[in-house]
Amino acid sequence: MRRDKSKNKREKKKYGFDKDSAKQVCKDGYRVGCRRIIGLNRCFMKGYFGGYQLAVTGIDANNGIYLIAYAAIESENQASWLWFLELLALDLEIISPYHLSFMYDK
């Protein structure tokens, strides 16, 4: 898939950064400065489209919440959570989850 470089340059000029580098900064920030605790959360979205929002957060060195990833889905089920967590593992390059703690409020 080929990207339009002129559009990317316009976005850099408009915002001072491009979206891809912002995502990379968030991923690198989690790997370097956050504790190995991952919080999983979901919330129901009201409105015309409805659905759910899945979110993954971390805890930084100052006990602040650090957003790692989020996604909007149609319904909360095992398949959507599996899809979301598989993408998270690929994005953060998680090879083995044994060194992580997952928290989920159910």
N, C-alpha and C. Protein backbone atom coordinates (compact mmCIF):
# COMPACT_ATOMS: atom_id res chain seq x y z
N MET A 1 0.84 -1.17 0.00
CA MET A 1 0.00 0.00 0.00
C MET A 1 0.88 1.24 0.00
N ARG A 2 0.68 2.12 -0.93
CA ARG A 2 1.50 3.30 -1.08
C ARG A 2 0.85 4.50 -0.41
N ARG A 3 1.63 5.27 0.30
CA ARG A 3 1.10 6.44 0.99
C ARG A 3 1.38 7.69 0.19
N ASP A 4 0.51 8.64 0.34
CA ASP A 4 0.71 9.93 -0.31
C ASP A 4 1.61 10.77 0.58
N LYS A 5 2.85 10.96 0.16
CA LYS A 5 3.83 11.67 0.98
C LYS A 5 3.49 13.14 1.15
N SER A 6 2.86 13.75 0.14
CA SER A 6 2.52 15.17 0.27
C SER A 6 1.47 15.37 1.35
N LYS A 7 0.52 14.43 1.47
CA LYS A 7 -0.48 14.52 2.53
C LYS A 7 0.17 14.38 3.89
N ASN A 8 1.12 13.44 4.02
CA ASN A 8 1.83 13.24 5.27
C ASN A 8 2.61 14.49 5.66
N LYS A 9 3.24 15.16 4.68
CA LYS A 9 3.98 16.39 4.97
C LYS A 9 3.04 17.49 5.43
N ARG A 10 1.84 17.55 4.82
CA ARG A 10 0.86 18.56 5.24
C ARG A 10 0.43 18.31 6.68
N GLU A 11 0.22 17.04 7.05
CA GLU A 11 -0.16 16.74 8.43
C GLU A 11 0.95 17.12 9.40
N LYS A 12 2.21 16.85 9.03
CA LYS A 12 3.32 17.23 9.89
C LYS A 12 3.35 18.74 10.07
N LYS A 13 3.14 19.45 8.99
CA LYS A 13 3.18 20.91 9.06
C LYS A 13 2.03 21.44 9.90
N LYS A 14 0.86 20.84 9.75
CA LYS A 14 -0.32 21.32 10.45
C LYS A 14 -0.23 21.06 11.96
N TYR A 15 0.19 19.84 12.34
CA TYR A 15 0.20 19.47 13.74
C TYR A 15 1.59 19.47 14.38
N GLY A 16 2.63 19.54 13.60
CA GLY A 16 3.97 19.50 14.13
C GLY A 16 4.52 18.09 14.25
N PHE A 17 3.69 17.08 14.00
CA PHE A 17 4.10 15.68 14.03
C PHE A 17 3.13 14.89 13.17
N ASP A 18 3.50 13.69 12.81
CA ASP A 18 2.56 12.84 12.09
C ASP A 18 2.02 11.78 13.03
N LYS A 19 0.90 11.19 12.68
CA LYS A 19 0.21 10.24 13.56
C LYS A 19 1.03 9.00 13.85
N ASP A 20 1.76 8.51 12.87
CA ASP A 20 2.56 7.30 13.07
C ASP A 20 3.64 7.50 14.12
N SER A 21 4.29 8.66 14.11
CA SER A 21 5.33 8.89 15.11
C SER A 21 4.72 9.08 16.50
N ALA A 22 3.51 9.64 16.57
CA ALA A 22 2.84 9.78 17.87
C ALA A 22 2.51 8.42 18.47
N LYS A 23 2.05 7.48 17.63
CA LYS A 23 1.78 6.13 18.12
C LYS A 23 3.05 5.46 18.60
N GLN A 24 4.13 5.66 17.86
CA GLN A 24 5.40 5.06 18.23
C GLN A 24 5.91 5.63 19.56
N VAL A 25 5.71 6.92 19.78
CA VAL A 25 6.13 7.55 21.03
C VAL A 25 5.35 6.95 22.21
N CYS A 26 4.05 6.71 22.03
CA CYS A 26 3.25 6.11 23.10
C CYS A 26 3.73 4.70 23.41
N LYS A 27 4.01 3.92 22.38
CA LYS A 27 4.49 2.55 22.59
C LYS A 27 5.86 2.56 23.28
N ASP A 28 6.76 3.41 22.82
CA ASP A 28 8.08 3.48 23.44
C ASP A 28 7.99 3.98 24.87
N GLY A 29 7.11 4.95 25.12
CA GLY A 29 6.93 5.47 26.48
C GLY A 29 6.44 4.40 27.43
N TYR A 30 5.54 3.53 26.95
CA TYR A 30 5.07 2.45 27.81
C TYR A 30 6.20 1.47 28.12
N ARG A 31 6.95 1.10 27.10
CA ARG A 31 8.03 0.13 27.30
C ARG A 31 9.10 0.64 28.26
N VAL A 32 9.39 1.93 28.20
CA VAL A 32 10.49 2.49 28.98
C VAL A 32 10.05 2.95 30.37
N GLY A 33 8.90 3.64 30.46
CA GLY A 33 8.59 4.33 31.71
C GLY A 33 7.43 3.82 32.52
N CYS A 34 6.75 2.77 32.07
CA CYS A 34 5.58 2.31 32.81
C CYS A 34 5.85 1.01 33.54
N ARG A 35 5.08 0.80 34.60
CA ARG A 35 5.15 -0.46 35.33
C ARG A 35 4.53 -1.55 34.47
N ARG A 36 4.81 -2.77 34.78
CA ARG A 36 4.34 -3.90 33.97
C ARG A 36 2.95 -4.34 34.40
N ILE A 37 2.08 -3.36 34.56
CA ILE A 37 0.67 -3.61 34.88
C ILE A 37 -0.15 -3.04 33.73
N ILE A 38 -1.03 -3.86 33.19
CA ILE A 38 -1.90 -3.41 32.09
C ILE A 38 -3.34 -3.48 32.57
N GLY A 39 -4.02 -2.36 32.48
CA GLY A 39 -5.43 -2.29 32.86
C GLY A 39 -6.30 -2.40 31.63
N LEU A 40 -7.26 -3.33 31.67
CA LEU A 40 -8.20 -3.52 30.57
C LEU A 40 -9.54 -2.95 31.01
N ASN A 41 -10.17 -2.19 30.13
CA ASN A 41 -11.44 -1.57 30.48
C ASN A 41 -12.32 -1.49 29.25
N ARG A 42 -13.61 -1.40 29.48
CA ARG A 42 -14.55 -1.21 28.40
C ARG A 42 -15.67 -0.31 28.90
N CYS A 43 -16.27 0.42 27.96
CA CYS A 43 -17.42 1.24 28.31
C CYS A 43 -18.42 1.22 27.16
N PHE A 44 -19.67 1.36 27.49
CA PHE A 44 -20.74 1.37 26.50
C PHE A 44 -20.86 2.77 25.93
N MET A 45 -20.97 2.87 24.62
CA MET A 45 -21.12 4.18 23.97
C MET A 45 -22.57 4.36 23.56
N LYS A 46 -23.19 5.41 24.07
CA LYS A 46 -24.56 5.72 23.69
C LYS A 46 -24.53 6.61 22.45
N GLY A 47 -25.64 6.70 21.79
CA GLY A 47 -25.71 7.57 20.63
C GLY A 47 -26.19 6.82 19.40
N TYR A 48 -26.02 7.45 18.27
CA TYR A 48 -26.51 6.91 17.01
C TYR A 48 -25.83 5.59 16.66
N PHE A 49 -24.52 5.52 16.83
CA PHE A 49 -23.78 4.33 16.42
C PHE A 49 -23.72 3.27 17.51
N GLY A 50 -23.69 3.66 18.76
CA GLY A 50 -23.63 2.70 19.86
C GLY A 50 -22.34 1.90 19.86
N GLY A 51 -22.36 0.75 20.50
CA GLY A 51 -21.19 -0.10 20.55
C GLY A 51 -20.45 0.04 21.86
N TYR A 52 -19.21 -0.43 21.85
CA TYR A 52 -18.36 -0.39 23.03
C TYR A 52 -17.00 0.19 22.67
N GLN A 53 -16.34 0.72 23.67
CA GLN A 53 -14.97 1.16 23.51
C GLN A 53 -14.10 0.33 24.45
N LEU A 54 -13.09 -0.31 23.89
CA LEU A 54 -12.12 -1.06 24.68
C LEU A 54 -10.89 -0.19 24.87
N ALA A 55 -10.33 -0.20 26.05
CA ALA A 55 -9.14 0.63 26.32
C ALA A 55 -8.13 -0.17 27.14
N VAL A 56 -6.86 0.10 26.88
CA VAL A 56 -5.77 -0.50 27.63
C VAL A 56 -4.93 0.64 28.19
N THR A 57 -4.72 0.61 29.50
CA THR A 57 -3.94 1.66 30.15
C THR A 57 -2.81 1.03 30.96
N GLY A 58 -1.81 1.85 31.19
CA GLY A 58 -0.69 1.46 32.03
C GLY A 58 -0.55 2.45 33.17
N ILE A 59 0.36 2.19 34.08
CA ILE A 59 0.63 3.08 35.20
C ILE A 59 2.08 3.53 35.09
N ASP A 60 2.29 4.85 35.02
CA ASP A 60 3.66 5.35 34.88
C ASP A 60 4.34 5.46 36.24
N ALA A 61 5.55 5.98 36.25
CA ALA A 61 6.35 6.04 37.48
C ALA A 61 5.75 6.97 38.52
N ASN A 62 4.93 7.94 38.12
CA ASN A 62 4.30 8.87 39.05
C ASN A 62 2.89 8.45 39.43
N ASN A 63 2.56 7.18 39.23
CA ASN A 63 1.22 6.63 39.50
C ASN A 63 0.14 7.29 38.66
N GLY A 64 0.50 7.81 37.51
CA GLY A 64 -0.47 8.38 36.59
C GLY A 64 -0.94 7.34 35.60
N ILE A 65 -2.10 7.59 35.00
CA ILE A 65 -2.65 6.68 34.01
C ILE A 65 -2.04 6.99 32.66
N TYR A 66 -1.60 5.98 31.97
CA TYR A 66 -0.93 6.12 30.68
C TYR A 66 -1.74 5.33 29.65
N LEU A 67 -2.39 6.01 28.72
CA LEU A 67 -3.19 5.34 27.70
C LEU A 67 -2.27 4.65 26.70
N ILE A 68 -2.51 3.38 26.48
CA ILE A 68 -1.70 2.60 25.55
C ILE A 68 -2.43 2.41 24.24
N ALA A 69 -3.69 1.97 24.29
CA ALA A 69 -4.44 1.71 23.07
C ALA A 69 -5.93 1.75 23.36
N TYR A 70 -6.72 1.97 22.31
CA TYR A 70 -8.17 1.91 22.42
C TYR A 70 -8.76 1.49 21.08
N ALA A 71 -9.98 0.98 21.12
CA ALA A 71 -10.67 0.56 19.90
C ALA A 71 -12.17 0.65 20.12
N ALA A 72 -12.89 0.95 19.06
CA ALA A 72 -14.36 0.94 19.09
C ALA A 72 -14.83 -0.35 18.42
N ILE A 73 -15.74 -1.05 19.09
CA ILE A 73 -16.23 -2.33 18.57
C ILE A 73 -17.76 -2.32 18.61
N GLU A 74 -18.37 -3.26 17.87
CA GLU A 74 -19.83 -3.33 17.82
C GLU A 74 -20.43 -3.97 19.07
N SER A 75 -19.79 -5.06 19.54
CA SER A 75 -20.31 -5.73 20.72
C SER A 75 -19.15 -6.31 21.51
N GLU A 76 -19.36 -6.39 22.82
CA GLU A 76 -18.31 -6.94 23.67
C GLU A 76 -18.51 -8.45 23.77
N ASN A 77 -17.57 -9.19 23.22
CA ASN A 77 -17.61 -10.64 23.30
C ASN A 77 -16.18 -11.16 23.29
N GLN A 78 -16.04 -12.46 23.39
CA GLN A 78 -14.71 -13.05 23.48
C GLN A 78 -13.90 -12.80 22.21
N ALA A 79 -14.55 -12.84 21.06
CA ALA A 79 -13.84 -12.65 19.79
C ALA A 79 -13.28 -11.23 19.66
N SER A 80 -14.05 -10.23 20.10
CA SER A 80 -13.56 -8.85 19.99
C SER A 80 -12.42 -8.58 20.96
N TRP A 81 -12.51 -9.14 22.18
CA TRP A 81 -11.40 -8.99 23.13
C TRP A 81 -10.16 -9.70 22.63
N LEU A 82 -10.31 -10.89 22.07
CA LEU A 82 -9.17 -11.64 21.54
C LEU A 82 -8.51 -10.87 20.40
N TRP A 83 -9.32 -10.33 19.49
CA TRP A 83 -8.80 -9.52 18.39
C TRP A 83 -8.00 -8.33 18.92
N PHE A 84 -8.57 -7.62 19.90
CA PHE A 84 -7.94 -6.43 20.46
C PHE A 84 -6.62 -6.78 21.16
N LEU A 85 -6.62 -7.84 21.96
CA LEU A 85 -5.41 -8.21 22.70
C LEU A 85 -4.33 -8.79 21.79
N GLU A 86 -4.72 -9.47 20.72
CA GLU A 86 -3.72 -9.95 19.75
C GLU A 86 -3.02 -8.77 19.07
N LEU A 87 -3.80 -7.76 18.69
CA LEU A 87 -3.19 -6.56 18.09
C LEU A 87 -2.30 -5.83 19.09
N LEU A 88 -2.72 -5.79 20.34
CA LEU A 88 -1.91 -5.15 21.38
C LEU A 88 -0.58 -5.89 21.55
N ALA A 89 -0.63 -7.21 21.57
CA ALA A 89 0.60 -8.00 21.73
C ALA A 89 1.54 -7.78 20.55
N LEU A 90 1.00 -7.69 19.35
CA LEU A 90 1.84 -7.41 18.18
C LEU A 90 2.44 -6.02 18.24
N ASP A 91 1.61 -5.05 18.63
CA ASP A 91 2.05 -3.65 18.67
C ASP A 91 3.13 -3.41 19.71
N LEU A 92 2.95 -3.98 20.90
CA LEU A 92 3.92 -3.77 21.98
C LEU A 92 5.04 -4.80 21.96
N GLU A 93 4.99 -5.71 21.01
CA GLU A 93 5.99 -6.77 20.86
C GLU A 93 6.09 -7.60 22.14
N ILE A 94 4.94 -8.02 22.64
CA ILE A 94 4.87 -8.86 23.83
C ILE A 94 5.05 -10.31 23.39
N ILE A 95 6.13 -10.91 23.78
CA ILE A 95 6.41 -12.29 23.39
C ILE A 95 5.80 -13.25 24.41
N SER A 96 5.99 -12.95 25.69
CA SER A 96 5.48 -13.80 26.75
C SER A 96 4.77 -12.92 27.77
N PRO A 97 3.49 -13.22 28.08
CA PRO A 97 2.76 -12.39 29.05
C PRO A 97 3.10 -12.70 30.50
N TYR A 98 4.07 -13.58 30.75
CA TYR A 98 4.38 -13.97 32.13
C TYR A 98 4.97 -12.83 32.95
N HIS A 99 5.57 -11.84 32.32
CA HIS A 99 6.16 -10.73 33.07
C HIS A 99 5.19 -9.55 33.19
N LEU A 100 3.92 -9.74 32.81
CA LEU A 100 2.91 -8.69 32.89
C LEU A 100 1.80 -9.09 33.84
N SER A 101 1.17 -8.07 34.44
CA SER A 101 -0.02 -8.29 35.24
C SER A 101 -1.18 -7.59 34.56
N PHE A 102 -2.27 -8.30 34.38
CA PHE A 102 -3.46 -7.74 33.74
C PHE A 102 -4.52 -7.51 34.81
N MET A 103 -5.16 -6.34 34.75
CA MET A 103 -6.27 -6.01 35.66
C MET A 103 -7.51 -5.76 34.83
N TYR A 104 -8.62 -6.31 35.26
CA TYR A 104 -9.88 -6.11 34.57
C TYR A 104 -10.98 -6.02 35.62
N ASP A 105 -11.81 -5.00 35.56
CA ASP A 105 -12.88 -4.82 36.51
C ASP A 105 -14.15 -5.43 35.92
N LYS A 106 -14.56 -6.52 36.46
CA LYS A 106 -15.76 -7.20 35.94
C LYS A 106 -16.80 -7.29 37.02
